[in-house]
Amino acid sequence: MVNFKRLTERAKDVVEKRGGSDSLKQDADELRGIAKGPGSLKDKAKAAGKAIKDPGERGAEKAPKREGPHKDAPGDRPEAGRPDTRSK
């Protein structure tokens, strides 16, 4: 059986260790920015892992920058809207 009182106390302790509820909100905003930003899923996961290590938003990198055309999503390429230029 789950001891919800103990679980709640542990959650409160973790939030306080990370800097309180304001810091938690900043972490969520930072992760949201990384998730919505450009880059591959792998790059976003790495950036999110780095961001979570530091409590609160401290100017850490928001989202990784893409390098080269191989990182572009299909809709980001100019030829993606033209059916006669499909990649093979």
N, C-alpha and C. Protein backbone atom coordinates (compact mmCIF):
# COMPACT_ATOMS: atom_id res chain seq x y z
N MET A 1 0.85 -1.17 0.00
CA MET A 1 0.00 0.00 0.00
C MET A 1 0.90 1.24 0.00
N VAL A 2 0.44 2.26 -0.69
CA VAL A 2 1.21 3.49 -0.83
C VAL A 2 0.92 4.41 0.35
N ASN A 3 1.98 4.93 0.94
CA ASN A 3 1.85 5.88 2.03
C ASN A 3 1.87 7.28 1.43
N PHE A 4 0.68 7.83 1.16
CA PHE A 4 0.58 9.11 0.47
C PHE A 4 1.13 10.27 1.30
N LYS A 5 1.02 10.19 2.61
CA LYS A 5 1.54 11.26 3.46
C LYS A 5 3.06 11.33 3.32
N ARG A 6 3.71 10.18 3.35
CA ARG A 6 5.16 10.15 3.21
C ARG A 6 5.58 10.60 1.80
N LEU A 7 4.83 10.15 0.80
CA LEU A 7 5.11 10.55 -0.57
C LEU A 7 4.99 12.06 -0.75
N THR A 8 3.97 12.65 -0.16
CA THR A 8 3.77 14.09 -0.22
C THR A 8 4.90 14.83 0.47
N GLU A 9 5.32 14.34 1.63
CA GLU A 9 6.43 14.99 2.35
C GLU A 9 7.72 14.92 1.55
N ARG A 10 7.97 13.79 0.91
CA ARG A 10 9.19 13.66 0.09
C ARG A 10 9.14 14.62 -1.11
N ALA A 11 7.98 14.75 -1.73
CA ALA A 11 7.84 15.66 -2.87
C ALA A 11 8.09 17.11 -2.42
N LYS A 12 7.55 17.48 -1.26
CA LYS A 12 7.79 18.83 -0.74
C LYS A 12 9.26 19.06 -0.46
N ASP A 13 9.94 18.05 0.09
CA ASP A 13 11.37 18.17 0.37
C ASP A 13 12.18 18.38 -0.92
N VAL A 14 11.83 17.62 -1.95
CA VAL A 14 12.54 17.74 -3.22
C VAL A 14 12.34 19.13 -3.82
N VAL A 15 11.12 19.63 -3.77
CA VAL A 15 10.83 20.97 -4.30
C VAL A 15 11.62 22.02 -3.51
N GLU A 16 11.66 21.91 -2.22
CA GLU A 16 12.40 22.87 -1.40
C GLU A 16 13.91 22.80 -1.66
N LYS A 17 14.45 21.60 -1.86
CA LYS A 17 15.88 21.45 -2.15
C LYS A 17 16.24 22.11 -3.48
N ARG A 18 15.30 22.11 -4.43
CA ARG A 18 15.55 22.70 -5.75
C ARG A 18 15.28 24.19 -5.78
N GLY A 19 14.83 24.78 -4.67
CA GLY A 19 14.68 26.23 -4.62
C GLY A 19 13.25 26.72 -4.48
N GLY A 20 12.32 25.84 -4.20
CA GLY A 20 10.94 26.24 -3.98
C GLY A 20 10.09 26.19 -5.24
N SER A 21 8.86 26.62 -5.09
CA SER A 21 7.91 26.51 -6.20
C SER A 21 8.25 27.46 -7.35
N ASP A 22 8.82 28.62 -7.06
CA ASP A 22 9.21 29.54 -8.14
C ASP A 22 10.29 28.92 -9.02
N SER A 23 11.25 28.26 -8.39
CA SER A 23 12.30 27.58 -9.14
C SER A 23 11.72 26.44 -9.97
N LEU A 24 10.75 25.76 -9.41
CA LEU A 24 10.09 24.67 -10.14
C LEU A 24 9.37 25.20 -11.38
N LYS A 25 8.72 26.35 -11.25
CA LYS A 25 8.04 26.96 -12.39
C LYS A 25 9.06 27.39 -13.45
N GLN A 26 10.19 27.91 -13.03
CA GLN A 26 11.24 28.30 -13.98
C GLN A 26 11.78 27.08 -14.71
N ASP A 27 11.96 25.98 -13.98
CA ASP A 27 12.41 24.74 -14.62
C ASP A 27 11.42 24.29 -15.68
N ALA A 28 10.14 24.34 -15.35
CA ALA A 28 9.10 23.93 -16.30
C ALA A 28 9.11 24.83 -17.54
N ASP A 29 9.26 26.13 -17.35
CA ASP A 29 9.32 27.06 -18.48
C ASP A 29 10.55 26.78 -19.36
N GLU A 30 11.66 26.50 -18.71
CA GLU A 30 12.89 26.21 -19.45
C GLU A 30 12.73 24.93 -20.27
N LEU A 31 12.15 23.91 -19.67
CA LEU A 31 11.94 22.65 -20.39
C LEU A 31 10.93 22.82 -21.53
N ARG A 32 9.92 23.64 -21.30
CA ARG A 32 8.94 23.92 -22.36
C ARG A 32 9.63 24.60 -23.54
N GLY A 33 10.52 25.54 -23.25
CA GLY A 33 11.25 26.22 -24.32
C GLY A 33 12.14 25.27 -25.10
N ILE A 34 12.77 24.35 -24.41
CA ILE A 34 13.61 23.36 -25.08
C ILE A 34 12.76 22.46 -25.96
N ALA A 35 11.63 22.00 -25.43
CA ALA A 35 10.77 21.08 -26.17
C ALA A 35 10.18 21.73 -27.42
N LYS A 36 9.84 23.01 -27.35
CA LYS A 36 9.24 23.70 -28.49
C LYS A 36 10.28 24.25 -29.46
N GLY A 37 11.52 24.30 -29.05
CA GLY A 37 12.58 24.88 -29.88
C GLY A 37 13.03 23.96 -30.99
N PRO A 38 13.94 24.46 -31.81
CA PRO A 38 14.44 23.67 -32.93
C PRO A 38 15.42 22.60 -32.46
N GLY A 39 15.65 21.63 -33.31
CA GLY A 39 16.62 20.59 -33.02
C GLY A 39 15.99 19.22 -33.03
N SER A 40 16.85 18.22 -33.08
CA SER A 40 16.36 16.84 -33.08
C SER A 40 15.93 16.44 -31.68
N LEU A 41 15.20 15.35 -31.59
CA LEU A 41 14.75 14.86 -30.30
C LEU A 41 15.94 14.52 -29.41
N LYS A 42 16.98 13.98 -30.00
CA LYS A 42 18.20 13.64 -29.24
C LYS A 42 18.85 14.90 -28.66
N ASP A 43 18.94 15.95 -29.46
CA ASP A 43 19.53 17.21 -28.99
C ASP A 43 18.69 17.83 -27.88
N LYS A 44 17.36 17.76 -28.04
CA LYS A 44 16.47 18.30 -27.02
C LYS A 44 16.59 17.53 -25.71
N ALA A 45 16.72 16.22 -25.80
CA ALA A 45 16.86 15.40 -24.60
C ALA A 45 18.16 15.74 -23.87
N LYS A 46 19.23 15.93 -24.61
CA LYS A 46 20.50 16.31 -23.98
C LYS A 46 20.40 17.66 -23.30
N ALA A 47 19.77 18.63 -23.98
CA ALA A 47 19.62 19.97 -23.42
C ALA A 47 18.73 19.94 -22.18
N ALA A 48 17.67 19.14 -22.22
CA ALA A 48 16.78 19.03 -21.06
C ALA A 48 17.51 18.39 -19.88
N GLY A 49 18.32 17.39 -20.14
CA GLY A 49 19.09 16.76 -19.07
C GLY A 49 20.05 17.74 -18.40
N LYS A 50 20.70 18.56 -19.20
CA LYS A 50 21.60 19.58 -18.65
C LYS A 50 20.82 20.62 -17.86
N ALA A 51 19.65 21.01 -18.38
CA ALA A 51 18.85 22.05 -17.73
C ALA A 51 18.31 21.58 -16.39
N ILE A 52 17.96 20.33 -16.29
CA ILE A 52 17.38 19.80 -15.05
C ILE A 52 18.42 19.72 -13.94
N LYS A 53 19.68 19.59 -14.30
CA LYS A 53 20.72 19.50 -13.27
C LYS A 53 20.84 20.78 -12.46
N ASP A 54 20.52 21.94 -13.08
CA ASP A 54 20.57 23.22 -12.38
C ASP A 54 19.16 23.65 -12.01
N PRO A 55 18.88 23.81 -10.71
CA PRO A 55 17.54 24.27 -10.32
C PRO A 55 17.27 25.70 -10.78
N GLY A 56 16.08 25.94 -11.25
CA GLY A 56 15.71 27.28 -11.67
C GLY A 56 16.36 27.65 -12.99
N GLU A 57 15.87 28.71 -13.58
CA GLU A 57 16.40 29.16 -14.86
C GLU A 57 17.61 30.05 -14.60
N ARG A 58 18.76 29.63 -15.08
CA ARG A 58 20.00 30.39 -14.87
C ARG A 58 20.67 30.74 -16.18
N GLY A 59 19.87 30.95 -17.19
CA GLY A 59 20.45 31.32 -18.48
C GLY A 59 21.09 30.15 -19.19
N ALA A 60 20.72 28.94 -18.82
CA ALA A 60 21.25 27.76 -19.50
C ALA A 60 20.76 27.76 -20.93
N GLU A 61 21.38 26.97 -21.75
CA GLU A 61 20.98 26.95 -23.15
C GLU A 61 19.52 26.51 -23.25
N LYS A 62 18.76 27.25 -24.03
CA LYS A 62 17.33 27.00 -24.17
C LYS A 62 17.07 25.81 -25.07
N ALA A 63 17.69 25.80 -26.22
CA ALA A 63 17.51 24.71 -27.16
C ALA A 63 18.76 24.61 -28.01
N PRO A 64 19.12 23.42 -28.41
CA PRO A 64 20.32 23.26 -29.22
C PRO A 64 20.12 23.86 -30.61
N LYS A 65 21.19 24.37 -31.17
CA LYS A 65 21.14 24.91 -32.53
C LYS A 65 21.34 23.76 -33.51
N ARG A 66 20.64 23.84 -34.62
CA ARG A 66 20.78 22.80 -35.65
C ARG A 66 22.00 23.09 -36.49
N GLU A 67 22.63 22.02 -36.92
CA GLU A 67 23.82 22.16 -37.76
C GLU A 67 23.59 21.44 -39.08
N GLY A 68 23.63 22.17 -40.14
CA GLY A 68 23.55 21.58 -41.47
C GLY A 68 22.14 21.14 -41.85
N PRO A 69 21.96 20.85 -43.13
CA PRO A 69 20.63 20.49 -43.63
C PRO A 69 20.16 19.12 -43.17
N HIS A 70 21.05 18.23 -42.75
CA HIS A 70 20.63 16.90 -42.33
C HIS A 70 19.82 16.92 -41.04
N LYS A 71 19.85 18.00 -40.30
CA LYS A 71 19.10 18.11 -39.06
C LYS A 71 17.72 18.75 -39.27
N ASP A 72 17.45 19.27 -40.46
CA ASP A 72 16.19 19.94 -40.73
C ASP A 72 15.03 18.95 -40.78
N ALA A 73 13.91 19.39 -40.30
CA ALA A 73 12.69 18.61 -40.44
C ALA A 73 12.21 18.74 -41.88
N PRO A 74 11.45 17.77 -42.39
CA PRO A 74 11.03 17.83 -43.78
C PRO A 74 10.31 19.12 -44.15
N GLY A 75 9.51 19.69 -43.27
CA GLY A 75 8.79 20.92 -43.57
C GLY A 75 9.67 22.15 -43.57
N ASP A 76 10.91 22.05 -43.09
CA ASP A 76 11.81 23.19 -43.02
C ASP A 76 12.58 23.41 -44.31
N ARG A 77 12.60 22.42 -45.18
CA ARG A 77 13.34 22.56 -46.43
C ARG A 77 12.47 23.27 -47.46
N PRO A 78 13.05 24.15 -48.26
CA PRO A 78 12.26 24.89 -49.25
C PRO A 78 11.57 23.98 -50.25
N GLU A 79 12.21 22.87 -50.60
CA GLU A 79 11.62 21.99 -51.61
C GLU A 79 10.54 21.08 -51.05
N ALA A 80 10.30 21.11 -49.74
CA ALA A 80 9.32 20.21 -49.14
C ALA A 80 7.90 20.46 -49.62
N GLY A 81 7.59 21.69 -49.99
CA GLY A 81 6.25 22.01 -50.45
C GLY A 81 6.02 21.70 -51.91
N ARG A 82 7.05 21.34 -52.65
CA ARG A 82 6.92 21.07 -54.08
C ARG A 82 6.97 19.57 -54.32
N PRO A 83 5.90 18.96 -54.82
CA PRO A 83 5.86 17.50 -55.00
C PRO A 83 6.84 16.98 -56.04
N ASP A 84 7.29 17.81 -56.99
CA ASP A 84 8.18 17.33 -58.02
C ASP A 84 9.64 17.24 -57.58
N THR A 85 9.95 17.62 -56.33
CA THR A 85 11.33 17.60 -55.83
C THR A 85 11.48 16.69 -54.62
N ARG A 86 10.91 15.53 -54.68
CA ARG A 86 11.01 14.60 -53.54
C ARG A 86 12.41 14.02 -53.46
N SER A 87 12.90 13.85 -52.24
CA SER A 87 14.20 13.23 -52.07
C SER A 87 14.06 11.73 -52.22
N LYS A 88 15.12 11.07 -52.68
CA LYS A 88 15.05 9.63 -52.93
C LYS A 88 15.80 8.85 -51.92
